[in-house]
N, C-alpha and C. Protein backbone atom coordinates (compact mmCIF):
# COMPACT_ATOMS: atom_id res chain seq x y z
N UNK A 1 150.09 85.35 80.65
CA UNK A 1 148.64 85.32 80.82
C UNK A 1 148.19 86.65 81.42
N UNK A 2 147.17 87.22 80.83
CA UNK A 2 146.64 88.50 81.29
C UNK A 2 145.31 88.28 81.98
N UNK A 3 145.23 88.66 83.23
CA UNK A 3 144.00 88.53 84.00
C UNK A 3 143.35 89.89 84.14
N UNK A 4 142.08 89.97 83.81
CA UNK A 4 141.35 91.23 83.92
C UNK A 4 140.18 91.03 84.87
N UNK A 5 140.10 91.86 85.86
CA UNK A 5 139.00 91.80 86.82
C UNK A 5 138.05 92.96 86.53
N UNK A 6 136.79 92.61 86.32
CA UNK A 6 135.78 93.63 86.04
C UNK A 6 134.88 93.80 87.26
N UNK A 7 134.78 94.99 87.76
CA UNK A 7 133.91 95.28 88.89
C UNK A 7 132.75 96.13 88.41
N UNK A 8 131.54 95.67 88.68
CA UNK A 8 130.37 96.43 88.28
C UNK A 8 130.28 97.71 89.08
N UNK A 9 130.15 98.82 88.38
CA UNK A 9 130.06 100.12 89.02
C UNK A 9 128.60 100.56 89.04
N UNK A 10 128.05 100.71 90.23
CA UNK A 10 126.66 101.15 90.37
C UNK A 10 126.60 102.67 90.28
N UNK A 11 125.58 103.20 89.65
CA UNK A 11 125.43 104.66 89.62
C UNK A 11 125.23 105.19 91.04
N UNK A 12 125.62 106.43 91.27
CA UNK A 12 125.47 106.98 92.62
C UNK A 12 124.02 107.03 93.04
N UNK A 13 123.79 106.85 94.35
CA UNK A 13 122.44 106.90 94.86
C UNK A 13 121.95 108.33 94.97
N UNK A 14 120.69 108.51 95.35
CA UNK A 14 120.13 109.86 95.43
C UNK A 14 120.74 110.66 96.58
N UNK A 15 120.91 111.95 96.34
CA UNK A 15 121.42 112.82 97.39
C UNK A 15 120.66 114.14 97.33
N UNK A 16 119.79 114.33 98.30
CA UNK A 16 118.99 115.55 98.40
C UNK A 16 119.26 116.24 99.74
N UNK A 17 120.53 116.20 100.15
CA UNK A 17 120.89 116.72 101.47
C UNK A 17 120.66 118.23 101.56
N UNK A 18 120.50 118.91 100.42
CA UNK A 18 120.21 120.34 100.45
C UNK A 18 118.74 120.65 100.62
N UNK A 19 117.90 119.62 100.67
CA UNK A 19 116.45 119.80 100.80
C UNK A 19 116.03 119.44 102.23
N UNK A 20 115.11 120.20 102.78
CA UNK A 20 114.63 119.88 104.12
C UNK A 20 113.68 118.69 104.07
N UNK A 21 113.57 117.98 105.18
CA UNK A 21 112.65 116.86 105.26
C UNK A 21 111.21 117.35 105.06
N UNK A 22 110.89 118.50 105.60
CA UNK A 22 109.52 119.02 105.47
C UNK A 22 109.18 119.31 104.01
N UNK A 23 110.15 119.83 103.26
CA UNK A 23 109.92 120.08 101.84
C UNK A 23 109.71 118.76 101.09
N UNK A 24 110.52 117.76 101.42
CA UNK A 24 110.38 116.46 100.76
C UNK A 24 109.02 115.84 101.07
N UNK A 25 108.62 115.85 102.34
CA UNK A 25 107.32 115.27 102.71
C UNK A 25 106.19 116.02 102.01
N UNK A 26 106.34 117.33 101.85
CA UNK A 26 105.34 118.09 101.11
C UNK A 26 105.20 117.60 99.68
N UNK A 27 106.31 117.20 99.05
CA UNK A 27 106.25 116.64 97.70
C UNK A 27 105.62 115.25 97.72
N UNK A 28 106.00 114.42 98.69
CA UNK A 28 105.42 113.07 98.78
C UNK A 28 103.90 113.13 98.97
N UNK A 29 103.44 114.10 99.74
CA UNK A 29 102.01 114.16 100.03
C UNK A 29 101.17 114.53 98.81
N UNK A 30 101.80 114.96 97.74
CA UNK A 30 101.08 115.22 96.49
C UNK A 30 100.74 113.94 95.74
N UNK A 31 101.35 112.81 96.14
CA UNK A 31 101.07 111.53 95.50
C UNK A 31 99.70 111.03 95.96
N UNK A 32 98.83 110.75 95.00
CA UNK A 32 97.50 110.24 95.33
C UNK A 32 97.41 108.72 95.23
N UNK A 33 98.26 108.10 94.40
CA UNK A 33 98.27 106.64 94.31
C UNK A 33 99.60 106.17 93.74
N UNK A 34 99.91 104.91 94.02
CA UNK A 34 101.12 104.26 93.49
C UNK A 34 100.70 102.95 92.85
N UNK A 35 101.16 102.70 91.63
CA UNK A 35 100.95 101.42 90.97
C UNK A 35 102.30 100.75 90.77
N UNK A 36 102.34 99.45 91.02
CA UNK A 36 103.62 98.75 90.97
C UNK A 36 103.42 97.30 90.56
N UNK A 37 104.40 96.76 89.86
CA UNK A 37 104.50 95.32 89.63
C UNK A 37 105.58 94.81 90.57
N UNK A 38 105.26 93.79 91.35
CA UNK A 38 106.18 93.32 92.38
C UNK A 38 106.33 91.81 92.33
N UNK A 39 107.49 91.35 92.77
CA UNK A 39 107.68 89.94 93.07
C UNK A 39 107.46 89.73 94.55
N UNK A 40 106.78 88.65 94.92
CA UNK A 40 106.41 88.41 96.32
C UNK A 40 106.91 87.05 96.77
N UNK A 41 107.57 87.01 97.92
CA UNK A 41 107.92 85.75 98.60
C UNK A 41 107.38 85.82 100.01
N UNK A 42 106.64 84.79 100.40
CA UNK A 42 106.04 84.75 101.74
C UNK A 42 106.57 83.53 102.47
N UNK A 43 107.28 83.77 103.57
CA UNK A 43 107.86 82.68 104.37
C UNK A 43 106.97 82.38 105.55
N UNK A 44 106.64 81.09 105.72
CA UNK A 44 105.82 80.67 106.86
C UNK A 44 106.08 79.19 107.12
N UNK A 45 106.37 78.85 108.39
CA UNK A 45 106.51 77.45 108.80
C UNK A 45 107.49 76.69 107.91
N UNK A 46 108.68 77.26 107.73
CA UNK A 46 109.76 76.62 106.96
C UNK A 46 109.40 76.37 105.50
N UNK A 47 108.43 77.07 104.98
CA UNK A 47 108.07 76.96 103.56
C UNK A 47 107.99 78.36 102.97
N UNK A 48 108.16 78.45 101.65
CA UNK A 48 108.13 79.73 100.96
C UNK A 48 107.14 79.66 99.80
N UNK A 49 106.24 80.61 99.74
CA UNK A 49 105.34 80.75 98.60
C UNK A 49 105.76 82.00 97.83
N UNK A 50 105.71 81.92 96.51
CA UNK A 50 106.17 83.05 95.71
C UNK A 50 105.23 83.29 94.54
N UNK A 51 105.29 84.49 93.98
CA UNK A 51 104.48 84.85 92.84
C UNK A 51 104.76 86.28 92.44
N UNK A 52 104.00 86.78 91.51
CA UNK A 52 104.09 88.17 91.08
C UNK A 52 102.81 88.88 91.44
N UNK A 53 102.91 90.18 91.68
CA UNK A 53 101.74 90.92 92.09
C UNK A 53 101.54 92.20 91.29
N UNK A 54 100.28 92.52 91.04
CA UNK A 54 99.89 93.81 90.48
C UNK A 54 99.28 94.62 91.61
N UNK A 55 99.95 95.69 91.99
CA UNK A 55 99.60 96.42 93.21
C UNK A 55 99.20 97.85 92.87
N UNK A 56 98.11 98.30 93.49
CA UNK A 56 97.73 99.71 93.44
C UNK A 56 97.36 100.14 94.86
N UNK A 57 97.98 101.23 95.30
CA UNK A 57 97.81 101.69 96.68
C UNK A 57 97.49 103.18 96.68
N UNK A 58 96.56 103.58 97.50
CA UNK A 58 96.29 104.98 97.79
C UNK A 58 96.22 105.12 99.31
N UNK A 59 96.12 106.32 99.85
CA UNK A 59 96.09 106.46 101.31
C UNK A 59 94.98 105.69 102.00
N UNK A 60 93.82 105.46 101.34
CA UNK A 60 92.72 104.77 102.00
C UNK A 60 92.28 103.50 101.30
N UNK A 61 93.10 102.97 100.37
CA UNK A 61 92.71 101.74 99.68
C UNK A 61 93.93 100.98 99.19
N UNK A 62 93.73 99.69 98.94
CA UNK A 62 94.78 98.83 98.40
C UNK A 62 94.13 97.76 97.54
N UNK A 63 94.78 97.47 96.41
CA UNK A 63 94.37 96.38 95.54
C UNK A 63 95.61 95.59 95.17
N UNK A 64 95.59 94.27 95.46
CA UNK A 64 96.73 93.40 95.16
C UNK A 64 96.22 92.12 94.51
N UNK A 65 96.65 91.88 93.28
CA UNK A 65 96.32 90.66 92.56
C UNK A 65 97.61 89.85 92.43
N UNK A 66 97.59 88.60 92.91
CA UNK A 66 98.79 87.76 92.96
C UNK A 66 98.70 86.66 91.91
N UNK A 67 99.76 86.51 91.13
CA UNK A 67 99.81 85.55 90.04
C UNK A 67 100.97 84.57 90.26
N UNK A 68 100.77 83.33 89.79
CA UNK A 68 101.86 82.35 89.76
C UNK A 68 101.83 81.66 88.41
N UNK A 69 102.96 81.69 87.71
CA UNK A 69 103.06 81.12 86.37
C UNK A 69 102.00 81.71 85.44
N UNK A 70 101.68 82.98 85.66
CA UNK A 70 100.72 83.66 84.80
C UNK A 70 99.27 83.47 85.18
N UNK A 71 98.99 82.65 86.18
CA UNK A 71 97.61 82.37 86.58
C UNK A 71 97.28 83.12 87.88
N UNK A 72 96.10 83.71 87.92
CA UNK A 72 95.68 84.43 89.11
C UNK A 72 95.49 83.48 90.28
N UNK A 73 96.18 83.76 91.39
CA UNK A 73 96.12 82.90 92.57
C UNK A 73 95.34 83.52 93.72
N UNK A 74 95.23 84.83 93.72
CA UNK A 74 94.52 85.45 94.82
C UNK A 74 94.36 86.95 94.62
N UNK A 75 93.38 87.51 95.30
CA UNK A 75 93.11 88.94 95.24
C UNK A 75 92.87 89.45 96.65
N UNK A 76 93.44 90.61 96.95
CA UNK A 76 93.26 91.24 98.26
C UNK A 76 92.90 92.70 98.04
N UNK A 77 91.86 93.15 98.73
CA UNK A 77 91.42 94.53 98.61
C UNK A 77 91.21 95.12 100.00
N UNK A 78 91.54 96.38 100.12
CA UNK A 78 91.17 97.12 101.32
C UNK A 78 90.56 98.45 100.90
N UNK A 79 89.43 98.78 101.47
CA UNK A 79 88.77 100.04 101.18
C UNK A 79 88.25 100.61 102.49
N UNK A 80 88.80 101.75 102.89
CA UNK A 80 88.39 102.43 104.13
C UNK A 80 88.44 101.49 105.33
N UNK A 81 89.52 100.73 105.42
CA UNK A 81 89.75 99.87 106.57
C UNK A 81 89.15 98.49 106.50
N UNK A 82 88.30 98.22 105.50
CA UNK A 82 87.67 96.91 105.36
C UNK A 82 88.46 96.07 104.36
N UNK A 83 88.87 94.86 104.78
CA UNK A 83 89.70 93.97 103.94
C UNK A 83 88.83 92.86 103.38
N UNK A 84 88.93 92.64 102.06
CA UNK A 84 88.29 91.51 101.39
C UNK A 84 89.36 90.74 100.62
N UNK A 85 89.24 89.43 100.59
CA UNK A 85 90.24 88.63 99.89
C UNK A 85 89.61 87.35 99.34
N UNK A 86 90.20 86.86 98.27
CA UNK A 86 89.79 85.58 97.68
C UNK A 86 91.06 84.88 97.20
N UNK A 87 91.46 83.77 97.88
CA UNK A 87 90.80 83.14 99.02
C UNK A 87 91.00 83.94 100.30
N UNK A 88 90.31 83.52 101.36
CA UNK A 88 90.43 84.20 102.64
C UNK A 88 91.86 84.11 103.15
N UNK A 89 92.31 85.17 103.82
CA UNK A 89 93.65 85.18 104.39
C UNK A 89 93.56 85.35 105.90
N UNK A 90 94.59 84.82 106.60
CA UNK A 90 94.59 84.95 108.06
C UNK A 90 95.09 86.33 108.46
N UNK A 91 95.08 86.60 109.75
CA UNK A 91 95.41 87.93 110.24
C UNK A 91 96.86 88.30 109.99
N UNK A 92 97.75 87.27 109.94
CA UNK A 92 99.16 87.56 109.69
C UNK A 92 99.36 88.06 108.27
N UNK A 93 98.77 87.36 107.30
CA UNK A 93 98.88 87.81 105.91
C UNK A 93 98.22 89.17 105.73
N UNK A 94 97.11 89.39 106.42
CA UNK A 94 96.45 90.68 106.32
C UNK A 94 97.33 91.79 106.87
N UNK A 95 97.96 91.54 108.01
CA UNK A 95 98.84 92.55 108.61
C UNK A 95 100.04 92.84 107.72
N UNK A 96 100.59 91.79 107.07
CA UNK A 96 101.78 91.97 106.24
C UNK A 96 101.44 92.54 104.87
N UNK A 97 100.44 91.92 104.19
CA UNK A 97 100.16 92.27 102.80
C UNK A 97 99.23 93.47 102.66
N UNK A 98 98.56 93.87 103.74
CA UNK A 98 97.68 95.03 103.66
C UNK A 98 98.29 96.18 104.47
N UNK A 99 98.27 96.06 105.79
CA UNK A 99 98.78 97.16 106.62
C UNK A 99 100.26 97.42 106.39
N UNK A 100 101.05 96.35 106.38
CA UNK A 100 102.49 96.52 106.21
C UNK A 100 102.86 97.06 104.85
N UNK A 101 102.24 96.51 103.81
CA UNK A 101 102.58 96.92 102.45
C UNK A 101 102.15 98.36 102.18
N UNK A 102 100.94 98.70 102.60
CA UNK A 102 100.46 100.07 102.37
C UNK A 102 101.28 101.08 103.18
N UNK A 103 101.58 100.76 104.43
CA UNK A 103 102.36 101.67 105.25
C UNK A 103 103.80 101.80 104.74
N UNK A 104 104.32 100.72 104.15
CA UNK A 104 105.69 100.78 103.64
C UNK A 104 105.80 101.74 102.46
N UNK A 105 104.77 101.80 101.63
CA UNK A 105 104.80 102.68 100.46
C UNK A 105 104.40 104.10 100.83
N UNK A 106 103.30 104.27 101.55
CA UNK A 106 102.86 105.59 101.98
C UNK A 106 103.41 105.90 103.38
N UNK A 107 104.73 105.79 103.50
CA UNK A 107 105.37 105.95 104.81
C UNK A 107 105.23 107.38 105.33
N UNK A 108 105.07 108.35 104.42
CA UNK A 108 104.98 109.75 104.83
C UNK A 108 103.63 110.09 105.44
N UNK A 109 102.67 109.19 105.36
CA UNK A 109 101.35 109.44 105.97
C UNK A 109 101.41 109.07 107.45
N UNK A 110 102.28 109.71 108.15
CA UNK A 110 102.38 109.54 109.60
C UNK A 110 102.03 110.89 110.22
N UNK A 111 101.14 110.88 111.19
CA UNK A 111 100.63 112.13 111.77
C UNK A 111 101.01 112.23 113.24
N UNK A 112 100.95 113.46 113.74
CA UNK A 112 101.18 113.72 115.17
C UNK A 112 102.49 113.10 115.65
N UNK A 113 103.54 113.29 114.87
CA UNK A 113 104.82 112.67 115.20
C UNK A 113 105.79 113.67 115.82
N UNK A 114 106.74 113.12 116.55
CA UNK A 114 107.89 113.87 117.04
C UNK A 114 109.08 113.52 116.16
N UNK A 115 109.88 114.51 115.82
CA UNK A 115 111.05 114.28 114.98
C UNK A 115 112.33 114.44 115.78
N UNK A 116 113.19 113.45 115.71
CA UNK A 116 114.54 113.55 116.24
C UNK A 116 115.50 113.22 115.11
N UNK A 117 116.79 113.50 115.30
CA UNK A 117 117.75 113.23 114.24
C UNK A 117 119.12 112.89 114.78
N UNK A 118 119.86 112.14 113.94
CA UNK A 118 121.27 111.87 114.18
C UNK A 118 122.05 112.55 113.04
N UNK A 119 123.34 112.25 112.94
CA UNK A 119 124.12 112.82 111.85
C UNK A 119 123.61 112.36 110.49
N UNK A 120 123.07 111.13 110.44
CA UNK A 120 122.72 110.53 109.15
C UNK A 120 121.23 110.31 108.93
N UNK A 121 120.42 110.38 109.99
CA UNK A 121 119.02 109.99 109.83
C UNK A 121 118.08 110.95 110.56
N UNK A 122 116.82 110.93 110.09
CA UNK A 122 115.71 111.50 110.83
C UNK A 122 114.88 110.35 111.39
N UNK A 123 114.28 110.56 112.54
CA UNK A 123 113.35 109.59 113.10
C UNK A 123 112.03 110.28 113.37
N UNK A 124 110.96 109.76 112.74
CA UNK A 124 109.60 110.25 112.99
C UNK A 124 108.88 109.20 113.82
N UNK A 125 108.34 109.62 114.97
CA UNK A 125 107.74 108.66 115.89
C UNK A 125 106.42 109.20 116.44
N UNK A 126 105.39 108.36 116.38
CA UNK A 126 104.15 108.68 117.09
C UNK A 126 103.78 107.50 117.97
N UNK A 127 102.55 107.41 118.37
CA UNK A 127 102.15 106.40 119.35
C UNK A 127 102.36 104.97 118.87
N UNK A 128 102.21 104.73 117.57
CA UNK A 128 102.29 103.35 117.09
C UNK A 128 103.20 103.14 115.89
N UNK A 129 103.81 104.21 115.36
CA UNK A 129 104.69 104.06 114.21
C UNK A 129 106.00 104.79 114.44
N UNK A 130 107.07 104.21 113.88
CA UNK A 130 108.37 104.86 113.85
C UNK A 130 108.95 104.69 112.45
N UNK A 131 109.38 105.80 111.84
CA UNK A 131 109.97 105.76 110.50
C UNK A 131 111.37 106.37 110.57
N UNK A 132 112.37 105.62 110.10
CA UNK A 132 113.74 106.09 110.03
C UNK A 132 114.02 106.50 108.59
N UNK A 133 114.51 107.73 108.38
CA UNK A 133 114.71 108.29 107.05
C UNK A 133 116.17 108.68 106.88
N UNK A 134 116.76 108.27 105.78
CA UNK A 134 118.13 108.64 105.46
C UNK A 134 118.19 110.12 105.07
N UNK A 135 119.11 110.86 105.66
CA UNK A 135 119.17 112.30 105.41
C UNK A 135 119.60 112.62 103.98
N UNK A 136 120.45 111.81 103.40
CA UNK A 136 120.94 112.11 102.04
C UNK A 136 119.86 111.86 101.00
N UNK A 137 119.24 110.69 101.04
CA UNK A 137 118.27 110.32 100.02
C UNK A 137 116.86 110.82 100.32
N UNK A 138 116.60 111.14 101.59
CA UNK A 138 115.25 111.48 102.06
C UNK A 138 114.26 110.37 101.75
N UNK A 139 114.76 109.14 101.83
CA UNK A 139 113.95 107.94 101.67
C UNK A 139 114.06 107.10 102.95
N UNK A 140 113.05 106.31 103.26
CA UNK A 140 113.08 105.53 104.50
C UNK A 140 114.05 104.36 104.41
N UNK A 141 114.61 103.99 105.55
CA UNK A 141 115.45 102.80 105.63
C UNK A 141 114.79 101.72 106.50
N UNK A 142 113.94 102.14 107.44
CA UNK A 142 113.29 101.18 108.33
C UNK A 142 112.02 101.80 108.90
N UNK A 143 111.07 100.94 109.23
CA UNK A 143 109.82 101.39 109.85
C UNK A 143 109.30 100.30 110.76
N UNK A 144 108.72 100.68 111.86
CA UNK A 144 108.03 99.73 112.73
C UNK A 144 106.62 100.21 113.00
N UNK A 145 105.70 99.24 113.11
CA UNK A 145 104.30 99.54 113.36
C UNK A 145 103.83 98.66 114.51
N UNK A 146 103.32 99.26 115.56
CA UNK A 146 102.79 98.51 116.71
C UNK A 146 101.31 98.22 116.46
N UNK A 147 100.94 96.94 116.47
CA UNK A 147 99.55 96.54 116.29
C UNK A 147 98.79 96.64 117.60
N UNK A 148 97.48 96.60 117.50
CA UNK A 148 96.64 96.75 118.71
C UNK A 148 96.90 95.65 119.73
N UNK A 149 97.31 94.44 119.26
CA UNK A 149 97.54 93.34 120.20
C UNK A 149 98.96 93.33 120.76
N UNK A 150 99.74 94.37 120.46
CA UNK A 150 101.09 94.48 121.00
C UNK A 150 102.18 93.92 120.10
N UNK A 151 101.82 93.22 119.03
CA UNK A 151 102.82 92.70 118.09
C UNK A 151 103.38 93.84 117.25
N UNK A 152 104.59 93.61 116.72
CA UNK A 152 105.30 94.65 115.98
C UNK A 152 105.55 94.18 114.55
N UNK A 153 105.15 95.01 113.58
CA UNK A 153 105.50 94.80 112.18
C UNK A 153 106.76 95.62 111.90
N UNK A 154 107.79 94.96 111.36
CA UNK A 154 109.04 95.63 111.02
C UNK A 154 109.21 95.66 109.51
N UNK A 155 109.51 96.82 108.96
CA UNK A 155 109.70 97.00 107.52
C UNK A 155 111.12 97.49 107.28
N UNK A 156 111.84 96.79 106.42
CA UNK A 156 113.20 97.18 106.05
C UNK A 156 113.21 97.49 104.55
N UNK A 157 113.84 98.60 104.19
CA UNK A 157 113.87 99.06 102.80
C UNK A 157 115.21 98.77 102.16
N UNK A 158 115.19 98.36 100.88
CA UNK A 158 116.41 98.08 100.13
C UNK A 158 116.95 99.30 99.42
N UNK A 159 117.92 99.06 98.54
CA UNK A 159 118.60 100.12 97.81
C UNK A 159 117.63 100.90 96.93
N UNK A 160 117.70 102.23 96.93
CA UNK A 160 116.82 103.01 96.05
C UNK A 160 117.15 102.79 94.58
N UNK A 161 116.11 102.79 93.76
CA UNK A 161 116.25 102.73 92.31
C UNK A 161 115.58 103.96 91.70
N UNK A 162 116.06 104.37 90.55
CA UNK A 162 115.51 105.55 89.88
C UNK A 162 114.26 105.19 89.09
N UNK A 163 113.23 106.00 89.21
CA UNK A 163 112.05 105.83 88.37
C UNK A 163 112.36 106.25 86.94
N UNK A 164 111.89 105.44 85.99
CA UNK A 164 112.18 105.71 84.58
C UNK A 164 110.88 105.87 83.80
N UNK A 165 110.94 106.63 82.72
CA UNK A 165 109.81 106.74 81.81
C UNK A 165 109.77 105.49 80.94
N UNK A 166 108.75 105.39 80.10
CA UNK A 166 108.60 104.21 79.24
C UNK A 166 109.77 104.06 78.28
N UNK A 167 110.41 105.18 77.90
CA UNK A 167 111.55 105.08 77.00
C UNK A 167 112.88 105.06 77.74
N UNK A 168 112.82 104.80 79.06
CA UNK A 168 114.04 104.57 79.83
C UNK A 168 114.73 105.81 80.36
N UNK A 169 114.08 106.97 80.30
CA UNK A 169 114.70 108.19 80.80
C UNK A 169 114.31 108.41 82.25
N UNK A 170 115.23 108.95 83.07
CA UNK A 170 114.91 109.19 84.48
C UNK A 170 113.86 110.27 84.65
N UNK A 171 113.01 110.10 85.67
CA UNK A 171 111.96 111.07 85.96
C UNK A 171 112.26 111.81 87.25
N UNK A 172 111.72 113.01 87.38
CA UNK A 172 111.84 113.78 88.63
C UNK A 172 113.28 113.81 89.14
N UNK A 173 114.22 114.19 88.28
CA UNK A 173 115.63 114.11 88.65
C UNK A 173 116.00 115.05 89.79
N UNK A 174 115.20 116.10 90.00
CA UNK A 174 115.53 117.05 91.07
C UNK A 174 114.69 116.82 92.32
N UNK A 175 114.00 115.68 92.39
CA UNK A 175 113.07 115.43 93.50
C UNK A 175 113.25 114.01 94.03
N UNK A 176 113.05 113.81 95.34
CA UNK A 176 113.05 112.43 95.87
C UNK A 176 111.98 111.56 95.24
N UNK A 177 110.96 112.16 94.62
CA UNK A 177 109.91 111.38 93.97
C UNK A 177 110.43 110.61 92.77
N UNK A 178 111.64 110.93 92.31
CA UNK A 178 112.23 110.21 91.20
C UNK A 178 112.87 108.89 91.59
N UNK A 179 112.75 108.50 92.86
CA UNK A 179 113.37 107.27 93.36
C UNK A 179 112.37 106.44 94.13
N UNK A 180 112.65 105.15 94.26
CA UNK A 180 111.81 104.26 95.05
C UNK A 180 112.68 103.12 95.59
N UNK A 181 112.28 102.47 96.69
CA UNK A 181 113.06 101.35 97.23
C UNK A 181 112.91 100.12 96.35
N UNK A 182 114.03 99.47 96.03
CA UNK A 182 114.00 98.30 95.14
C UNK A 182 113.51 97.04 95.85
N UNK A 183 113.65 96.99 97.16
CA UNK A 183 113.27 95.80 97.93
C UNK A 183 112.56 96.24 99.21
N UNK A 184 111.60 95.44 99.64
CA UNK A 184 110.95 95.62 100.93
C UNK A 184 110.96 94.28 101.66
N UNK A 185 111.23 94.32 102.94
CA UNK A 185 111.13 93.13 103.78
C UNK A 185 110.20 93.48 104.93
N UNK A 186 109.08 92.75 105.04
CA UNK A 186 108.06 93.04 106.04
C UNK A 186 107.95 91.83 106.96
N UNK A 187 108.15 92.03 108.26
CA UNK A 187 108.22 90.91 109.21
C UNK A 187 107.20 91.10 110.33
N UNK A 188 106.60 89.99 110.72
CA UNK A 188 105.72 89.95 111.89
C UNK A 188 105.94 88.60 112.55
N UNK A 189 106.72 88.60 113.66
CA UNK A 189 107.08 87.33 114.29
C UNK A 189 107.82 86.44 113.30
N UNK A 190 107.40 85.17 113.16
CA UNK A 190 108.07 84.26 112.23
C UNK A 190 107.63 84.43 110.77
N UNK A 191 106.69 85.33 110.53
CA UNK A 191 106.15 85.52 109.18
C UNK A 191 106.91 86.64 108.47
N UNK A 192 107.35 86.37 107.25
CA UNK A 192 108.17 87.32 106.50
C UNK A 192 107.66 87.40 105.07
N UNK A 193 107.48 88.62 104.58
CA UNK A 193 107.18 88.86 103.17
C UNK A 193 108.32 89.67 102.58
N UNK A 194 108.85 89.18 101.47
CA UNK A 194 109.89 89.90 100.74
C UNK A 194 109.30 90.39 99.42
N UNK A 195 109.43 91.68 99.18
CA UNK A 195 108.87 92.31 98.00
C UNK A 195 110.00 92.84 97.12
N UNK A 196 110.02 92.42 95.88
CA UNK A 196 110.95 92.96 94.89
C UNK A 196 110.16 93.88 93.96
N UNK A 197 110.50 95.15 93.98
CA UNK A 197 109.73 96.15 93.22
C UNK A 197 110.27 96.21 91.79
N UNK A 198 109.44 95.82 90.83
CA UNK A 198 109.88 95.75 89.44
C UNK A 198 109.50 96.99 88.64
N UNK A 199 108.45 97.65 89.03
CA UNK A 199 108.07 98.93 88.41
C UNK A 199 107.35 99.76 89.45
N UNK A 200 107.36 101.08 89.24
CA UNK A 200 106.83 101.98 90.27
C UNK A 200 106.34 103.24 89.58
N UNK A 201 105.03 103.42 89.55
CA UNK A 201 104.43 104.59 88.91
C UNK A 201 103.59 105.34 89.92
N UNK A 202 103.69 106.66 89.89
CA UNK A 202 102.94 107.48 90.83
C UNK A 202 101.93 108.35 90.08
N UNK A 203 100.84 108.66 90.77
CA UNK A 203 99.84 109.60 90.26
C UNK A 203 99.75 110.76 91.23
N UNK A 204 99.79 111.97 90.69
CA UNK A 204 99.70 113.17 91.52
C UNK A 204 98.50 114.00 91.10
């Protein structure tokens, strides 16, 4: 009897260790908006709600339309700090699905920060945000946001995936902009949102 074990080999992750963090952030700041199709799971009170989302984010706005079984279940918008939703959402969902989600994608929009580093990571920290960035990929691995009431939003990033064109070819192969996090986990106390990123398009 011949036994064959097959192990799935993942392609190597991004490595931009020859690029400075400042150069990478300069490239990220050229992004004016991100459009994405996402899977959403929201955990609350021992129950889980799930659906798919059509997301568009810019530095000062957010649009999220949530679907379940192909039917529109809710819409959330933010424009210049004002949040509108149908149906109405509580402050926890607003903090997770608006502030947390937008900050997780536009993580480089952190100002007046101090930078420290270890062998493997950079840490950008200001009065209310901390972003941990992997030195090799120049992509974030974790972020925390302190809210005005003292609560903390924690964002954890999953494995990077390569951005592809419509015909399946990799984009921006020489830039960190050619990659995006495949998973996001956003937590606020007992409330957890898990985001599975299915597509990721940028506008510059």
